[in-house]
């Protein structure tokens, strides 16, 4: 039962453990009007004009990505202290990355150093990422696209000093034009398996859900159902989650409903909000945020009714800033990041 509070707190996070989705669909090339050969007029009659090709249909979304617009606004990379991110291009497909944290509260020693390679094939269908840290942690991730609709993923986290941080996971995803589904098997201190399904009802409306079985207290279930409506610049999602209540004896469950709305005001600015209500404890919360994007940078801001205010400025070629204030807990975090990108040598392709 010691695994329950930490595990269910992780499962109830806004982004669940399916990980980010990599889109690998390739649409047929649409011919332009000027490329259509002119019809012969030898018969003396005008040929009917060629009808324009229909636009490519957007594929169905994985259930975990139903609220992707709100996730882009609310999911911030907040840190404290000074942080350095350095990347070095080793070959055309291989890159080495270094991360250094100084004066951080994430570790008792106050610093973190991680190093690892990142590989991506020329066609973008294979991706391998690995990281190793001075604290004894090693993690890796692999993604392989199969055909135009299938995707295989595997990830592993291992720690020499903290066995509770050992996690291993494998998953498979299918993304079609009308439906999508995924399945996974993982070890996170206990065995768990799950599946998710999405079905398009209308071009703008999709329904879906997921179910996870955890080998704790016999078999523990975590379920979720939801819908997504997207039209133009607006997107709306609603979901209901059923999870065991870690504050109550085994067998007691808690239900939580979430409503999320996001609007793309301009090509650069997006606004969003979320309302959540849990029962039977009747706890509620409201969040609002924004995202402003540049070519190589973006600004995110978030405020919620729990007394937390946060902002993140990410510049992927220079400096960045992060700030988070939790007035209810009296917690303050501020950080600065510097990105180091060595310039290519003369004659070397950028």
Protein backbone atom coordinates (compact mmCIF):
# COMPACT_ATOMS: atom_id res chain seq x y z
CA UNK A 1 0.00 0.00 0.00
CA UNK A 2 3.03 2.32 0.27
CA UNK A 3 3.05 2.50 -3.53
CA UNK A 4 -0.52 3.79 -3.77
CA UNK A 5 -0.17 7.51 -2.84
CA UNK A 6 2.81 8.16 -5.10
CA UNK A 7 1.48 6.03 -7.94
CA UNK A 8 -2.05 7.44 -7.98
CA UNK A 9 -0.74 10.98 -7.62
CA UNK A 10 1.30 10.35 -10.76
CA UNK A 11 -1.68 8.81 -12.58
CA UNK A 12 -3.90 11.80 -11.74
CA UNK A 13 -1.51 14.28 -13.28
CA UNK A 14 -2.79 16.20 -16.19
CA UNK A 15 -0.59 14.39 -18.65
CA UNK A 16 -0.98 10.67 -18.09
CA UNK A 17 1.70 8.04 -18.57
CA UNK A 18 1.22 7.38 -22.25
CA UNK A 19 3.93 9.89 -23.10
CA UNK A 20 3.94 12.39 -26.01
CA UNK A 21 2.55 11.27 -29.30
CA UNK A 22 4.74 11.43 -32.44
CA UNK A 23 2.69 11.91 -35.56
CA UNK A 24 3.90 9.76 -38.42
CA UNK A 25 1.20 10.02 -41.04
CA UNK A 26 2.11 10.82 -44.61
CA UNK A 27 -0.64 12.32 -46.74
CA UNK A 28 -0.84 11.99 -50.50
CA UNK A 29 0.48 14.91 -52.46
CA UNK A 30 -2.27 17.24 -53.68
CA UNK A 31 -1.89 18.45 -57.26
CA UNK A 32 -1.98 22.18 -57.80
CA UNK A 33 -4.36 23.76 -60.27
CA UNK A 34 -1.54 24.92 -62.55
CA UNK A 35 -0.22 21.35 -62.74
CA UNK A 36 -3.44 19.94 -64.21
CA UNK A 37 -2.96 19.52 -67.98
CA UNK A 38 -5.24 21.60 -70.16
CA UNK A 39 -8.11 19.75 -71.79
CA UNK A 40 -8.08 19.41 -75.57
CA UNK A 41 -10.58 21.66 -77.36
CA UNK A 42 -10.48 19.84 -80.71
CA UNK A 43 -14.10 18.80 -80.30
CA UNK A 44 -15.20 22.43 -80.16
CA UNK A 45 -16.71 22.01 -76.71
CA UNK A 46 -15.23 23.27 -73.46
CA UNK A 47 -14.24 20.48 -71.13
CA UNK A 48 -15.66 20.68 -67.62
CA UNK A 49 -13.32 22.23 -65.09
CA UNK A 50 -11.49 19.75 -62.90
CA UNK A 51 -12.87 19.64 -59.38
CA UNK A 52 -10.34 20.61 -56.70
CA UNK A 53 -8.88 17.80 -54.67
CA UNK A 54 -10.41 17.47 -51.21
CA UNK A 55 -8.18 18.58 -48.34
CA UNK A 56 -6.34 15.90 -46.44
CA UNK A 57 -8.35 14.66 -43.47
CA UNK A 58 -6.81 15.17 -40.05
CA UNK A 59 -6.11 11.84 -38.35
CA UNK A 60 -7.77 10.85 -35.11
CA UNK A 61 -6.02 11.86 -31.90
CA UNK A 62 -4.81 9.49 -29.22
CA UNK A 63 -6.97 9.84 -26.12
CA UNK A 64 -4.12 11.27 -24.05
CA UNK A 65 -3.83 14.12 -26.58
CA UNK A 66 -7.49 15.18 -26.47
CA UNK A 67 -6.55 18.35 -24.59
CA UNK A 68 -3.32 19.04 -26.49
CA UNK A 69 -4.04 22.77 -26.87
CA UNK A 70 -4.51 23.17 -23.13
CA UNK A 71 -1.46 21.00 -22.45
CA UNK A 72 0.70 23.28 -24.60
CA UNK A 73 -0.41 26.20 -22.42
CA UNK A 74 -0.38 24.64 -18.94
CA UNK A 75 2.57 22.22 -19.08
CA UNK A 76 5.55 24.37 -18.15
CA UNK A 77 9.17 23.43 -17.60
CA UNK A 78 9.62 25.16 -14.24
CA UNK A 79 12.96 24.85 -12.45
CA UNK A 80 15.01 26.69 -9.86
CA UNK A 81 18.63 27.86 -9.76
CA UNK A 82 20.93 28.16 -12.75
CA UNK A 83 20.66 25.70 -15.64
CA UNK A 84 22.83 25.12 -18.70
CA UNK A 85 21.65 23.14 -21.73
CA UNK A 86 24.34 22.39 -24.33
CA UNK A 87 23.96 20.46 -27.57
CA UNK A 88 26.66 19.37 -29.96
CA UNK A 89 25.99 17.91 -33.39
CA UNK A 90 28.19 14.83 -33.75
CA UNK A 91 26.92 13.57 -37.10
CA UNK A 92 24.01 14.31 -39.40
CA UNK A 93 21.70 12.12 -37.28
CA UNK A 94 23.42 12.07 -33.89
CA UNK A 95 23.53 14.81 -31.26
CA UNK A 96 25.12 14.92 -27.81
CA UNK A 97 23.35 16.81 -25.02
CA UNK A 98 24.59 18.10 -21.66
CA UNK A 99 22.42 19.40 -18.80
CA UNK A 100 23.78 21.10 -15.68
CA UNK A 101 21.67 22.34 -12.75
CA UNK A 102 23.26 24.49 -10.04
CA UNK A 103 21.58 25.64 -6.83
CA UNK A 104 18.52 23.46 -7.37
CA UNK A 105 16.20 21.95 -4.77
CA UNK A 106 15.61 18.86 -6.89
CA UNK A 107 18.58 17.11 -5.25
CA UNK A 108 19.95 17.28 -1.72
CA UNK A 109 23.45 17.98 -3.05
CA UNK A 110 22.13 21.07 -4.89
CA UNK A 111 23.36 20.15 -8.36
CA UNK A 112 22.55 17.79 -11.26
CA UNK A 113 24.62 16.84 -14.29
CA UNK A 114 23.27 14.66 -17.11
CA UNK A 115 24.76 13.62 -20.41
CA UNK A 116 23.39 11.57 -23.27
CA UNK A 117 23.06 11.07 -27.04
CA UNK A 118 20.00 11.58 -29.22
CA UNK A 119 19.64 9.82 -32.57
CA UNK A 120 17.05 10.33 -35.28
CA UNK A 121 17.09 8.55 -38.62
CA UNK A 122 17.12 10.47 -41.87
CA UNK A 123 13.44 9.73 -42.56
CA UNK A 124 12.44 10.54 -38.96
CA UNK A 125 10.92 7.10 -38.35
CA UNK A 126 13.43 5.97 -35.73
CA UNK A 127 14.31 7.93 -32.59
CA UNK A 128 16.66 6.92 -29.76
CA UNK A 129 17.35 9.06 -26.69
CA UNK A 130 19.43 8.21 -23.60
CA UNK A 131 20.59 10.08 -20.49
CA UNK A 132 22.97 9.27 -17.64
CA UNK A 133 23.47 11.36 -14.49
CA UNK A 134 26.03 11.69 -11.74
CA UNK A 135 23.39 10.68 -9.17
CA UNK A 136 23.25 7.16 -10.60
CA UNK A 137 20.19 7.55 -12.80
CA UNK A 138 20.09 6.17 -16.35
CA UNK A 139 17.11 6.44 -18.69
CA UNK A 140 16.45 5.72 -22.33
CA UNK A 141 13.62 5.95 -24.84
CA UNK A 142 13.07 4.43 -28.29
CA UNK A 143 10.37 5.19 -30.86
CA UNK A 144 9.90 3.26 -34.10
CA UNK A 145 7.25 4.05 -36.71
CA UNK A 146 5.90 1.09 -38.66
CA UNK A 147 4.00 1.79 -41.84
CA UNK A 148 1.86 4.91 -41.89
CA UNK A 149 -0.32 4.21 -38.84
CA UNK A 150 1.61 2.15 -36.29
CA UNK A 151 4.14 3.24 -33.70
CA UNK A 152 6.18 1.22 -31.19
CA UNK A 153 7.60 2.84 -28.04
CA UNK A 154 9.83 1.64 -25.23
CA UNK A 155 11.30 3.49 -22.27
CA UNK A 156 13.36 2.52 -19.25
CA UNK A 157 14.47 4.39 -16.13
CA UNK A 158 17.00 2.83 -13.79
CA UNK A 159 18.61 4.21 -10.66
CA UNK A 160 21.49 2.64 -8.75
CA UNK A 161 20.72 4.30 -5.41
CA UNK A 162 16.92 4.63 -5.38
CA UNK A 163 15.06 1.44 -6.45
CA UNK A 164 11.70 3.24 -6.36
CA UNK A 165 12.78 5.21 -9.44
CA UNK A 166 13.15 2.05 -11.55
CA UNK A 167 10.45 2.08 -14.25
CA UNK A 168 10.15 0.21 -17.55
CA UNK A 169 7.42 0.57 -20.15
CA UNK A 170 6.50 -0.65 -23.62
CA UNK A 171 3.56 0.50 -25.74
CA UNK A 172 2.02 0.25 -29.19
CA UNK A 173 -0.14 2.86 -30.89
CA UNK A 174 -2.37 2.90 -33.97
CA UNK A 175 -3.54 6.18 -35.47
CA UNK A 176 -6.07 6.11 -38.30
CA UNK A 177 -8.31 8.66 -39.93
CA UNK A 178 -11.43 7.68 -37.94
CA UNK A 179 -10.10 5.88 -34.85
CA UNK A 180 -7.01 5.41 -32.74
CA UNK A 181 -6.04 3.01 -30.00
CA UNK A 182 -3.05 2.25 -27.80
CA UNK A 183 -1.89 -0.43 -25.39
CA UNK A 184 0.93 -0.58 -22.87
CA UNK A 185 2.61 -2.83 -20.35
CA UNK A 186 4.78 -1.31 -17.62
CA UNK A 187 6.58 -1.91 -14.35
CA UNK A 188 6.56 1.00 -11.89
CA UNK A 189 7.11 -0.78 -8.60
CA UNK A 190 4.11 -2.92 -9.58
CA UNK A 191 2.91 -4.40 -12.84
CA UNK A 192 0.34 -2.40 -14.77
CA UNK A 193 -1.30 -2.72 -18.14
CA UNK A 194 -3.78 -0.52 -19.95
CA UNK A 195 -5.43 0.48 -23.18
CA UNK A 196 -7.02 3.55 -24.75
CA UNK A 197 -9.46 4.03 -27.62
CA UNK A 198 -10.65 7.03 -29.66
CA UNK A 199 -13.47 7.14 -32.21
CA UNK A 200 -14.39 10.07 -34.45
CA UNK A 201 -18.14 10.63 -34.46
CA UNK A 202 -18.09 13.81 -36.57
CA UNK A 203 -15.19 15.68 -38.18
CA UNK A 204 -15.18 18.00 -35.14
CA UNK A 205 -16.30 15.54 -32.43
CA UNK A 206 -14.43 12.57 -30.98
CA UNK A 207 -15.14 10.25 -28.05
CA UNK A 208 -12.66 8.12 -26.17
CA UNK A 209 -11.51 6.53 -22.95
CA UNK A 210 -8.78 4.53 -21.28
CA UNK A 211 -8.50 1.83 -18.64
CA UNK A 212 -5.47 0.88 -16.53
CA UNK A 213 -5.10 -2.23 -14.37
CA UNK A 214 -2.56 -2.11 -11.54
CA UNK A 215 -1.29 -5.11 -9.61
CA UNK A 216 -1.77 -3.49 -6.17
CA UNK A 217 -4.25 -4.82 -3.56
CA UNK A 218 -5.22 -7.56 -5.97
CA UNK A 219 -6.24 -5.66 -9.12
CA UNK A 220 -6.79 -1.92 -8.93
CA UNK A 221 -8.50 -0.11 -11.81
CA UNK A 222 -8.15 3.45 -13.07
CA UNK A 223 -10.62 4.53 -15.77
CA UNK A 224 -11.38 7.61 -17.77
CA UNK A 225 -13.88 8.65 -20.46
CA UNK A 226 -14.02 11.92 -22.35
CA UNK A 227 -14.91 13.86 -25.46
CA UNK A 228 -13.23 16.45 -27.64
CA UNK A 229 -14.88 19.08 -29.82
CA UNK A 230 -12.71 21.21 -32.08
CA UNK A 231 -14.00 23.79 -34.55
CA UNK A 232 -11.84 26.45 -36.16
CA UNK A 233 -9.71 28.19 -33.55
CA UNK A 234 -11.63 26.77 -30.57
CA UNK A 235 -11.27 23.41 -28.81
CA UNK A 236 -13.24 21.99 -25.89
CA UNK A 237 -12.62 18.79 -23.94
CA UNK A 238 -14.43 17.11 -21.08
CA UNK A 239 -13.38 14.05 -19.10
CA UNK A 240 -14.41 12.05 -16.04
CA UNK A 241 -11.80 10.02 -14.16
CA UNK A 242 -12.34 7.25 -11.61
CA UNK A 243 -9.35 6.43 -9.38
CA UNK A 244 -8.87 4.81 -5.95
CA UNK A 245 -8.78 7.34 -3.15
CA UNK A 246 -5.36 7.08 -1.39
CA UNK A 247 -6.84 8.84 1.67
CA UNK A 248 -9.46 6.13 2.20
CA UNK A 249 -9.26 2.36 2.82
CA UNK A 250 -8.85 0.08 -0.24
CA UNK A 251 -12.01 -0.18 -2.32
CA UNK A 252 -12.97 3.49 -2.02
CA UNK A 253 -12.86 5.56 -5.20
CA UNK A 254 -12.90 9.21 -6.09
CA UNK A 255 -14.32 10.73 -9.27
CA UNK A 256 -13.04 13.89 -10.90
CA UNK A 257 -14.51 15.86 -13.78
CA UNK A 258 -12.49 18.24 -15.96
CA UNK A 259 -13.61 20.86 -18.47
CA UNK A 260 -10.98 22.50 -20.66
CA UNK A 261 -11.29 25.21 -23.27
CA UNK A 262 -8.60 26.74 -25.49
CA UNK A 263 -8.78 29.40 -28.18
CA UNK A 264 -6.12 30.39 -30.68
CA UNK A 265 -6.56 34.17 -30.77
CA UNK A 266 -3.81 34.79 -33.34
CA UNK A 267 -1.11 32.74 -35.02
CA UNK A 268 1.10 33.47 -32.01
CA UNK A 269 -1.27 33.86 -29.04
CA UNK A 270 -3.39 31.14 -27.42
CA UNK A 271 -5.60 31.38 -24.33
CA UNK A 272 -7.06 28.55 -22.25
CA UNK A 273 -8.79 27.62 -19.01
CA UNK A 274 -9.64 24.51 -17.02
CA UNK A 275 -12.23 23.75 -14.34
CA UNK A 276 -12.11 20.58 -12.26
CA UNK A 277 -14.43 19.16 -9.64
CA UNK A 278 -13.93 16.01 -7.58
CA UNK A 279 -16.57 14.13 -5.64
CA UNK A 280 -17.60 13.00 -3.10
CA UNK A 281 -15.14 15.39 -1.40
CA UNK A 282 -16.44 18.27 -3.59
CA UNK A 283 -13.06 19.92 -4.11
CA UNK A 284 -12.80 22.22 -7.12
CA UNK A 285 -10.17 24.23 -8.93
CA UNK A 286 -9.92 26.76 -11.74
CA UNK A 287 -6.88 27.51 -13.90
CA UNK A 288 -6.24 30.02 -16.69
CA UNK A 289 -3.19 30.47 -18.86
CA UNK A 290 -1.72 31.82 -22.07
CA UNK A 291 0.99 30.93 -24.57
CA UNK A 292 2.76 33.34 -26.90
CA UNK A 293 5.01 31.73 -29.51
CA UNK A 294 7.94 33.10 -31.47
CA UNK A 295 9.98 31.40 -34.15
CA UNK A 296 12.53 29.98 -31.67
CA UNK A 297 10.99 30.91 -28.32
CA UNK A 298 7.74 31.01 -26.40
CA UNK A 299 6.24 32.51 -23.25
CA UNK A 300 3.81 30.63 -20.99
CA UNK A 301 1.83 31.92 -18.03
CA UNK A 302 -0.50 30.13 -15.65
CA UNK A 303 -2.56 31.07 -12.58
CA UNK A 304 -4.92 28.84 -10.59
CA UNK A 305 -7.31 29.06 -7.66
CA UNK A 306 -4.92 27.09 -5.42
CA UNK A 307 -2.78 30.20 -5.06
CA UNK A 308 -0.10 29.28 -7.59
CA UNK A 309 1.28 31.63 -10.25
CA UNK A 310 3.93 30.54 -12.74
CA UNK A 311 5.63 31.81 -15.88
CA UNK A 312 8.21 30.31 -18.22
CA UNK A 313 10.18 32.08 -20.96
CA UNK A 314 11.92 29.60 -23.26
CA UNK A 315 14.45 30.77 -25.83
CA UNK A 316 15.99 27.73 -27.49
CA UNK A 317 18.99 29.67 -28.80
CA UNK A 318 19.78 31.90 -25.81
CA UNK A 319 18.60 32.59 -22.28
CA UNK A 320 15.36 31.57 -20.61
CA UNK A 321 13.63 32.31 -17.32
CA UNK A 322 11.29 30.42 -15.01
CA UNK A 323 9.31 31.57 -12.00
CA UNK A 324 6.75 29.88 -9.78
CA UNK A 325 5.10 31.16 -6.59
CA UNK A 326 2.85 28.98 -4.45
CA UNK A 327 1.26 31.40 -2.00
CA UNK A 328 -0.62 28.67 -0.14
CA UNK A 329 2.55 26.72 0.71
CA UNK A 330 4.96 29.63 0.79
CA UNK A 331 7.11 28.07 -1.94
CA UNK A 332 9.07 30.25 -4.35
CA UNK A 333 11.18 29.02 -7.28
CA UNK A 334 13.09 31.12 -9.78
CA UNK A 335 15.55 29.95 -12.39
CA UNK A 336 17.65 31.00 -15.36
CA UNK A 337 18.68 28.76 -18.25
CA UNK A 338 21.35 29.29 -20.89
CA UNK A 339 21.37 27.31 -24.14
CA UNK A 340 24.76 26.65 -25.71
CA UNK A 341 24.71 25.75 -29.40
CA UNK A 342 28.20 25.64 -30.96
CA UNK A 343 28.42 27.23 -34.38
CA UNK A 344 29.28 24.81 -37.22
CA UNK A 345 32.83 24.93 -38.43
CA UNK A 346 33.58 26.43 -41.87
CA UNK A 347 32.55 24.01 -44.56
CA UNK A 348 30.35 21.99 -42.18
CA UNK A 349 26.65 21.82 -42.92
CA UNK A 350 24.51 23.51 -40.22
